[in-house]
Amino acid sequence: MRIFETIKPKDKILKKYISYYYIDIADNEGYFNEYICYPHYNNTISLYKSHVSSFDEGHSLITFSNGCLPLQIFTPIREEILRVTQKGPVYKIGIVFNPFGINQFLRQDIKMNKITSSPSFQFFENDFLRRLFAERNIDYAIDMLEKALSRNFNNIENLYVTRAIELLHQPENELGIDVLAETKIGISRKHLNRLFQKYLGTTPQTYRKILKFRQLMDFKLNAVKENNYGSLSYQLNYADQSHFIKACKQLTNLTPSQFFKEGKVVGSEDIFWNFTR
């Protein structure tokens, strides 16, 4: 059995903070899978039924181990590519958060710029995860997940961060970070940097770089064929096509043509992975 499915939140409050969930199931004992995740401005909680993990620079190795505790992994906003290797059967649930979304559910302080896993990182109680993974009906499992997320919800507001994210997500907004902070938000760039580091684990400038790349990627994936890199670069206010090509190489180690040739859209949301095995 092989299942990969993306699912939108149903709860009205959760929709504001969570982009989607995904279910990844492979029950073959000899299953082996390796893929590359490209930079993204979201962050993710990955839940595995019975696995162990190890992390090297830019590489996560996830291995099935029967009888282990459920594995919980926090993946922050990524400027670098991340290679993920999965060995053995997989039962995984991913929760993909909107910017400033995961902050509403955290029950412990974590480093927002570093991959963190259980046992030191506990997003859910292990007893709940055992019940969750015991449920074979996907719809029921998502309902269980949403109820648990709703119980953990603890609204955290920061109008400066929220406003900055809103402005940065406007493609036509090309104000410098200094001007954006001082004239549109009413704080200094230094203060805005501190807030972004605290809540998002990155700087506004890096966030914008990743965001522009993802926006152009989405444009390309959904565009009609005659929209070339030059016109798409212009739509998202890159200086020119060569500027985008340079940005793509910095973020993916690939040219745009290589990037789109080797990557694959998975599910019905914005997952774009390069499968190497």
Protein backbone atom coordinates (compact mmCIF):
# COMPACT_ATOMS: atom_id res chain seq x y z
CA MET A 1 0.00 0.00 0.00
CA ARG A 2 1.27 3.46 -0.92
CA ILE A 3 -0.68 6.61 0.02
CA PHE A 4 0.26 10.27 -0.23
CA GLU A 5 -2.55 12.74 0.34
CA THR A 6 -2.76 16.45 1.19
CA ILE A 7 -5.72 17.70 3.23
CA LYS A 8 -6.92 21.21 4.10
CA PRO A 9 -7.93 22.04 7.69
CA LYS A 10 -11.66 22.04 8.40
CA ASP A 11 -11.74 24.02 11.65
CA LYS A 12 -12.19 27.78 11.08
CA ILE A 13 -9.54 28.82 13.59
CA LEU A 14 -7.02 26.22 12.44
CA LYS A 15 -7.39 27.35 8.82
CA LYS A 16 -5.86 30.69 9.78
CA TYR A 17 -2.67 29.12 11.09
CA ILE A 18 -2.30 25.81 9.24
CA SER A 19 -1.89 25.58 5.47
CA TYR A 20 -2.51 21.84 5.12
CA TYR A 21 -1.78 18.36 6.44
CA TYR A 22 -0.29 15.49 4.50
CA ILE A 23 -0.44 11.75 4.99
CA ASP A 24 2.47 9.61 3.78
CA ILE A 25 2.05 5.83 4.12
CA ALA A 26 4.18 3.03 2.68
CA ASP A 27 3.82 -0.43 4.25
CA ASN A 28 6.47 -2.27 2.19
CA GLU A 29 9.13 -3.69 4.55
CA GLY A 30 11.86 -2.89 2.02
CA TYR A 31 10.66 0.64 1.32
CA PHE A 32 13.42 3.19 0.70
CA ASN A 33 12.78 6.78 -0.28
CA GLU A 34 14.97 9.86 -0.60
CA TYR A 35 13.97 13.36 -1.65
CA ILE A 36 15.10 16.97 -1.47
CA CYS A 37 12.92 19.68 0.10
CA TYR A 38 13.58 23.13 -1.30
CA PRO A 39 13.63 26.38 0.72
CA HIS A 40 10.28 27.46 2.10
CA TYR A 41 8.85 30.16 4.36
CA ASN A 42 6.61 27.69 6.18
CA ASN A 43 7.58 25.35 8.98
CA THR A 44 6.45 21.81 9.59
CA ILE A 45 5.75 19.27 12.30
CA SER A 46 6.41 15.71 11.08
CA LEU A 47 4.90 12.85 13.07
CA TYR A 48 6.12 9.26 12.51
CA LYS A 49 4.50 6.18 13.99
CA SER A 50 7.59 4.20 15.06
CA HIS A 51 10.88 5.62 13.85
CA VAL A 52 14.28 6.88 14.92
CA SER A 53 16.07 9.85 13.41
CA SER A 54 19.52 11.31 12.93
CA PHE A 55 20.48 14.69 11.52
CA ASP A 56 23.59 15.74 9.67
CA GLU A 57 24.13 19.08 8.01
CA GLY A 58 21.26 19.43 5.55
CA HIS A 59 20.22 15.76 5.84
CA SER A 60 17.54 13.99 7.88
CA LEU A 61 17.68 10.19 8.10
CA ILE A 62 14.43 8.57 9.28
CA THR A 63 14.49 4.82 9.93
CA PHE A 64 11.62 2.53 10.89
CA SER A 65 12.15 0.68 14.16
CA ASN A 66 9.31 -1.51 15.37
CA GLY A 67 8.17 -0.77 18.91
CA CYS A 68 9.79 2.67 19.17
CA LEU A 69 7.99 5.68 20.55
CA PRO A 70 6.37 7.97 17.98
CA LEU A 71 8.84 10.42 16.44
CA GLN A 72 8.12 14.17 16.36
CA ILE A 73 10.23 16.56 14.28
CA PHE A 74 10.08 20.35 13.99
CA THR A 75 11.46 21.73 10.72
CA PRO A 76 11.94 25.52 10.66
CA ILE A 77 11.81 28.04 7.82
CA ARG A 78 14.46 26.84 5.39
CA GLU A 79 16.95 28.89 3.40
CA GLU A 80 18.97 25.80 2.50
CA ILE A 81 17.85 22.61 0.77
CA LEU A 82 17.05 19.66 3.03
CA ARG A 83 17.63 16.04 1.99
CA VAL A 84 15.35 13.49 3.66
CA THR A 85 15.97 9.74 3.62
CA GLN A 86 13.29 7.31 4.80
CA LYS A 87 14.15 3.63 5.37
CA GLY A 88 11.58 0.94 6.02
CA PRO A 89 7.77 1.24 6.30
CA VAL A 90 6.46 4.77 6.74
CA TYR A 91 3.40 6.11 8.50
CA LYS A 92 3.83 9.85 8.61
CA ILE A 93 1.54 12.82 9.22
CA GLY A 94 2.85 16.26 8.35
CA ILE A 95 1.40 19.54 9.62
CA VAL A 96 2.40 22.49 7.44
CA PHE A 97 1.93 25.83 9.18
CA ASN A 98 1.35 29.27 7.76
CA PRO A 99 3.88 31.95 8.76
CA PHE A 100 3.58 32.75 12.48
CA GLY A 101 1.22 29.76 12.74
CA ILE A 102 3.12 27.19 14.74
CA ASN A 103 3.70 29.78 17.48
CA GLN A 104 0.01 29.47 18.38
CA PHE A 105 0.40 25.81 19.40
CA LEU A 106 3.85 25.43 20.96
CA ARG A 107 3.89 24.24 24.56
CA GLN A 108 7.64 24.68 25.04
CA ASP A 109 10.37 27.07 24.00
CA ILE A 110 12.36 25.86 20.98
CA LYS A 111 14.99 27.31 18.69
CA MET A 112 12.96 28.56 15.75
CA ASN A 113 15.91 28.22 13.33
CA LYS A 114 16.94 24.64 14.12
CA ILE A 115 15.55 21.19 13.33
CA THR A 116 14.43 19.64 16.62
CA SER A 117 13.10 16.16 17.36
CA SER A 118 11.71 14.08 20.18
CA PRO A 119 12.33 13.10 22.90
CA SER A 120 13.54 16.63 23.69
CA PHE A 121 10.79 18.07 21.49
CA GLN A 122 7.22 17.13 22.40
CA PHE A 123 4.46 18.71 20.34
CA PHE A 124 1.90 16.04 21.33
CA GLU A 125 1.77 13.47 24.12
CA ASN A 126 2.95 10.02 23.05
CA ASP A 127 -0.29 8.37 24.23
CA PHE A 128 -2.26 10.59 21.86
CA LEU A 129 0.07 9.78 18.95
CA ARG A 130 -0.33 6.04 19.57
CA ARG A 131 -4.10 6.44 19.33
CA LEU A 132 -3.73 8.65 16.27
CA PHE A 133 -1.59 6.14 14.38
CA ALA A 134 -3.86 3.27 15.42
CA GLU A 135 -6.72 4.93 13.51
CA ARG A 136 -6.71 3.55 9.97
CA ASN A 137 -9.46 5.79 8.63
CA ILE A 138 -7.73 8.95 7.37
CA ASP A 139 -10.76 11.20 7.85
CA TYR A 140 -11.14 10.08 11.47
CA ALA A 141 -7.40 10.52 12.05
CA ILE A 142 -7.53 14.11 10.78
CA ASP A 143 -10.53 14.82 13.01
CA MET A 144 -8.54 13.51 15.99
CA LEU A 145 -5.58 15.66 14.97
CA GLU A 146 -7.68 18.80 14.67
CA LYS A 147 -9.27 18.27 18.07
CA ALA A 148 -5.82 17.89 19.64
CA LEU A 149 -4.55 21.02 17.87
CA SER A 150 -7.60 22.96 19.05
CA ARG A 151 -6.92 21.88 22.64
CA ASN A 152 -3.33 23.13 22.34
CA PHE A 153 -4.28 26.44 20.72
CA ASN A 154 -3.02 29.44 22.67
CA ASN A 155 -3.46 32.62 20.68
CA ILE A 156 -0.28 34.69 20.48
CA GLU A 157 -0.48 38.05 18.77
CA ASN A 158 2.21 40.43 17.58
CA LEU A 159 0.81 43.10 15.31
CA TYR A 160 4.27 44.09 14.08
CA VAL A 161 5.11 40.57 12.87
CA THR A 162 1.64 40.04 11.40
CA ARG A 163 1.77 43.34 9.51
CA ALA A 164 5.30 42.70 8.24
CA ILE A 165 4.32 39.27 6.89
CA GLU A 166 1.26 40.78 5.21
CA LEU A 167 3.36 43.46 3.51
CA LEU A 168 6.12 41.07 2.45
CA HIS A 169 3.56 38.80 0.79
CA GLN A 170 2.44 41.58 -1.54
CA PRO A 171 4.43 41.02 -4.77
CA GLU A 172 4.25 44.70 -5.70
CA ASN A 173 5.80 45.77 -2.40
CA GLU A 174 9.50 46.37 -3.04
CA LEU A 175 10.20 48.74 -0.17
CA GLY A 176 13.53 48.22 1.56
CA ILE A 177 13.29 46.55 4.95
CA ASP A 178 14.36 49.78 6.68
CA VAL A 179 11.60 51.78 4.99
CA LEU A 180 9.02 49.05 5.44
CA ALA A 181 9.76 48.81 9.16
CA GLU A 182 9.84 52.53 9.85
CA THR A 183 7.11 53.91 7.55
CA LYS A 184 4.67 51.00 7.22
CA ILE A 185 5.01 49.31 10.61
CA GLY A 186 6.33 52.04 12.87
CA ILE A 187 9.38 50.34 14.38
CA SER A 188 13.08 50.23 13.62
CA ARG A 189 14.62 47.59 11.36
CA LYS A 190 16.63 46.37 14.33
CA HIS A 191 13.44 45.80 16.35
CA LEU A 192 11.77 44.04 13.41
CA ASN A 193 14.81 41.80 13.00
CA ARG A 194 14.62 40.82 16.67
CA LEU A 195 10.92 39.98 16.38
CA PHE A 196 11.46 37.87 13.24
CA GLN A 197 14.34 36.00 14.88
CA LYS A 198 12.20 35.33 17.95
CA TYR A 199 9.01 34.20 16.24
CA LEU A 200 10.17 32.97 12.82
CA GLY A 201 13.83 32.12 13.31
CA THR A 202 15.03 34.22 10.39
CA THR A 203 15.41 37.84 9.27
CA PRO A 204 12.88 39.83 7.21
CA GLN A 205 15.41 40.04 4.36
CA THR A 206 15.96 36.28 4.24
CA TYR A 207 12.23 35.69 4.58
CA ARG A 208 11.61 37.95 1.58
CA LYS A 209 14.26 36.13 -0.50
CA ILE A 210 12.68 32.73 0.20
CA LEU A 211 9.17 34.11 -0.31
CA LYS A 212 9.96 35.62 -3.73
CA PHE A 213 11.50 32.34 -4.83
CA ARG A 214 8.44 30.34 -3.74
CA GLN A 215 6.05 32.83 -5.34
CA LEU A 216 7.87 32.62 -8.65
CA MET A 217 7.95 28.84 -8.37
CA ASP A 218 4.18 28.79 -7.84
CA PHE A 219 3.69 31.15 -10.77
CA LYS A 220 5.77 28.88 -13.00
CA LEU A 221 4.02 25.70 -11.93
CA ASN A 222 0.58 27.20 -12.51
CA ALA A 223 1.34 29.47 -15.48
CA VAL A 224 0.36 28.98 -19.10
CA LYS A 225 3.21 27.77 -21.28
CA GLU A 226 4.05 31.11 -22.91
CA ASN A 227 5.02 32.67 -19.57
CA ASN A 228 8.81 32.36 -19.62
CA TYR A 229 11.27 33.04 -16.83
CA GLY A 230 11.77 36.60 -18.00
CA SER A 231 8.09 37.56 -17.78
CA LEU A 232 7.62 35.68 -14.51
CA SER A 233 10.69 37.36 -13.01
CA TYR A 234 9.22 40.72 -13.96
CA GLN A 235 5.87 39.90 -12.32
CA LEU A 236 7.59 39.29 -8.99
CA ASN A 237 9.90 42.30 -9.25
CA TYR A 238 13.21 40.56 -9.74
CA ALA A 239 15.59 43.04 -11.36
CA ASP A 240 15.77 40.81 -14.43
CA GLN A 241 15.85 37.17 -15.48
CA SER A 242 19.53 36.80 -14.58
CA HIS A 243 18.70 38.00 -11.04
CA PHE A 244 16.16 35.20 -10.69
CA ILE A 245 18.57 32.63 -12.14
CA LYS A 246 21.18 33.69 -9.58
CA ALA A 247 18.63 33.50 -6.74
CA CYS A 248 17.51 30.04 -7.88
CA LYS A 249 21.09 28.75 -7.90
CA GLN A 250 21.70 30.17 -4.43
CA LEU A 251 18.60 28.49 -2.99
CA THR A 252 18.59 25.16 -4.87
CA ASN A 253 22.09 24.66 -6.36
CA LEU A 254 20.30 24.28 -9.69
CA THR A 255 19.46 26.47 -12.65
CA PRO A 256 15.72 27.16 -13.07
CA SER A 257 15.46 24.71 -15.99
CA GLN A 258 17.17 21.98 -13.93
CA PHE A 259 15.07 22.82 -10.89
CA PHE A 260 11.71 22.46 -12.66
CA LYS A 261 12.87 19.43 -14.66
CA GLU A 262 14.06 17.46 -11.65
CA GLY A 263 11.36 18.50 -9.14
CA LYS A 264 7.90 17.00 -8.81
CA VAL A 265 4.64 18.34 -7.39
CA VAL A 266 3.38 15.93 -4.73
CA GLY A 267 -0.24 16.02 -3.59
CA SER A 268 -2.49 18.97 -4.34
CA GLU A 269 -0.71 21.70 -2.37
CA ASP A 270 2.70 23.39 -2.67
CA ILE A 271 4.93 20.37 -2.03
CA PHE A 272 7.70 20.36 -4.64
CA TRP A 273 10.27 17.65 -4.00
CA ASN A 274 13.14 16.23 -6.01
CA PHE A 275 13.13 12.46 -5.60
CA THR A 276 16.66 11.09 -5.81
CA ARG A 277 15.80 7.45 -5.02
